Amino acid sequence: MNNILCYIDPGSSSYIVQALVAAFVGFIFYFKTIWFRVKEFLGLSKNKITDIDNSDEDPKAI
């Protein structure tokens, strides 16, 4: 009687699928962030962060 009964109920399998999807999305965002930092470091990024002037003055009045 060497019957091995492997049973995963639907709740456990949905949790496993959820964990795998979350890990996959996490890796995508992690490597995307690293890729943008490398591109910015090498000067290949088209979008540069500029300083924002938070003054309430009218720029046309200057």
C-alpha atoms as a PDB file:
ATOM      1  CA  MET A   1       0.000   0.000   0.000  1.00  0.00           C
ATOM      2  CA  ASN A   2       2.330   2.662  -1.244  1.00  0.00           C
ATOM      3  CA  ASN A   3      -0.371   5.042  -2.372  1.00  0.00           C
ATOM      4  CA  ILE A   4       0.808   8.586  -2.013  1.00  0.00           C
ATOM      5  CA  LEU A   5      -2.095  10.946  -1.772  1.00  0.00           C
ATOM      6  CA  CYS A   6      -1.200  14.461  -2.785  1.00  0.00           C
ATOM      7  CA  TYR A   7      -4.077  16.829  -2.457  1.00  0.00           C
ATOM      8  CA  ILE A   8      -3.966  20.585  -2.672  1.00  0.00           C
ATOM      9  CA  ASP A   9      -7.272  22.237  -1.954  1.00  0.00           C
ATOM     10  CA  PRO A  10      -8.405  25.181  -4.112  1.00  0.00           C
ATOM     11  CA  GLY A  11      -7.634  27.711  -1.390  1.00  0.00           C
ATOM     12  CA  SER A  12      -4.011  26.621  -1.167  1.00  0.00           C
ATOM     13  CA  SER A  13      -3.529  26.538  -4.915  1.00  0.00           C
ATOM     14  CA  SER A  14      -4.978  30.025  -5.360  1.00  0.00           C
ATOM     15  CA  TYR A  15      -2.613  31.274  -2.639  1.00  0.00           C
ATOM     16  CA  ILE A  16       0.344  29.701  -4.455  1.00  0.00           C
ATOM     17  CA  VAL A  17      -0.734  31.292  -7.756  1.00  0.00           C
ATOM     18  CA  GLN A  18      -1.148  34.662  -6.031  1.00  0.00           C
ATOM     19  CA  ALA A  19       2.332  34.418  -4.504  1.00  0.00           C
ATOM     20  CA  LEU A  20       3.884  33.525  -7.876  1.00  0.00           C
ATOM     21  CA  VAL A  21       2.154  36.427  -9.651  1.00  0.00           C
ATOM     22  CA  ALA A  22       3.191  38.853  -6.900  1.00  0.00           C
ATOM     23  CA  ALA A  23       6.808  37.656  -7.090  1.00  0.00           C
ATOM     24  CA  PHE A  24       6.815  38.039 -10.876  1.00  0.00           C
ATOM     25  CA  VAL A  25       5.402  41.579 -10.736  1.00  0.00           C
ATOM     26  CA  GLY A  26       7.838  42.471  -7.960  1.00  0.00           C
ATOM     27  CA  PHE A  27      10.792  41.320 -10.043  1.00  0.00           C
ATOM     28  CA  ILE A  28       9.552  43.344 -13.017  1.00  0.00           C
ATOM     29  CA  PHE A  29       9.333  46.556 -10.979  1.00  0.00           C
ATOM     30  CA  TYR A  30      12.683  45.886  -9.312  1.00  0.00           C
ATOM     31  CA  PHE A  31      14.555  45.385 -12.573  1.00  0.00           C
ATOM     32  CA  LYS A  32      12.673  48.251 -14.245  1.00  0.00           C
ATOM     33  CA  THR A  33      13.895  50.598 -11.517  1.00  0.00           C
ATOM     34  CA  ILE A  34      17.465  49.371 -11.870  1.00  0.00           C
ATOM     35  CA  TRP A  35      17.280  49.702 -15.669  1.00  0.00           C
ATOM     36  CA  PHE A  36      16.096  53.326 -15.440  1.00  0.00           C
ATOM     37  CA  ARG A  37      18.867  54.175 -12.973  1.00  0.00           C
ATOM     38  CA  VAL A  38      21.493  52.633 -15.271  1.00  0.00           C
ATOM     39  CA  LYS A  39      20.105  54.541 -18.261  1.00  0.00           C
ATOM     40  CA  GLU A  40      20.101  57.794 -16.276  1.00  0.00           C
ATOM     41  CA  PHE A  41      23.661  57.177 -15.095  1.00  0.00           C
ATOM     42  CA  LEU A  42      24.831  56.596 -18.663  1.00  0.00           C
ATOM     43  CA  GLY A  43      22.953  59.645 -19.921  1.00  0.00           C
ATOM     44  CA  LEU A  44      20.604  57.645 -22.139  1.00  0.00           C
ATOM     45  CA  SER A  45      17.434  58.731 -20.371  1.00  0.00           C
ATOM     46  CA  LYS A  46      15.191  61.149 -22.283  1.00  0.00           C
ATOM     47  CA  ASN A  47      13.299  62.316 -19.196  1.00  0.00           C
ATOM     48  CA  LYS A  48      15.478  64.232 -16.793  1.00  0.00           C
ATOM     49  CA  ILE A  49      14.229  65.346 -13.409  1.00  0.00           C
ATOM     50  CA  THR A  50      14.312  69.130 -13.134  1.00  0.00           C
ATOM     51  CA  ASP A  51      13.944  71.381 -10.131  1.00  0.00           C
ATOM     52  CA  ILE A  52      10.410  72.614  -9.628  1.00  0.00           C
ATOM     53  CA  ASP A  53       9.941  76.245  -8.649  1.00  0.00           C
ATOM     54  CA  ASN A  54       7.253  76.290  -5.976  1.00  0.00           C
ATOM     55  CA  SER A  55       7.015  80.062  -5.707  1.00  0.00           C
ATOM     56  CA  ASP A  56       3.677  81.810  -5.980  1.00  0.00           C
ATOM     57  CA  GLU A  57       5.059  84.568  -8.177  1.00  0.00           C
ATOM     58  CA  ASP A  58       3.864  85.080 -11.717  1.00  0.00           C
ATOM     59  CA  PRO A  59       6.723  83.988 -14.027  1.00  0.00           C
ATOM     60  CA  LYS A  60       5.724  86.620 -16.599  1.00  0.00           C
ATOM     61  CA  ALA A  61       6.189  89.419 -14.066  1.00  0.00           C
ATOM     62  CA  ILE A  62       9.900  88.752 -13.660  1.00  0.00           C
END
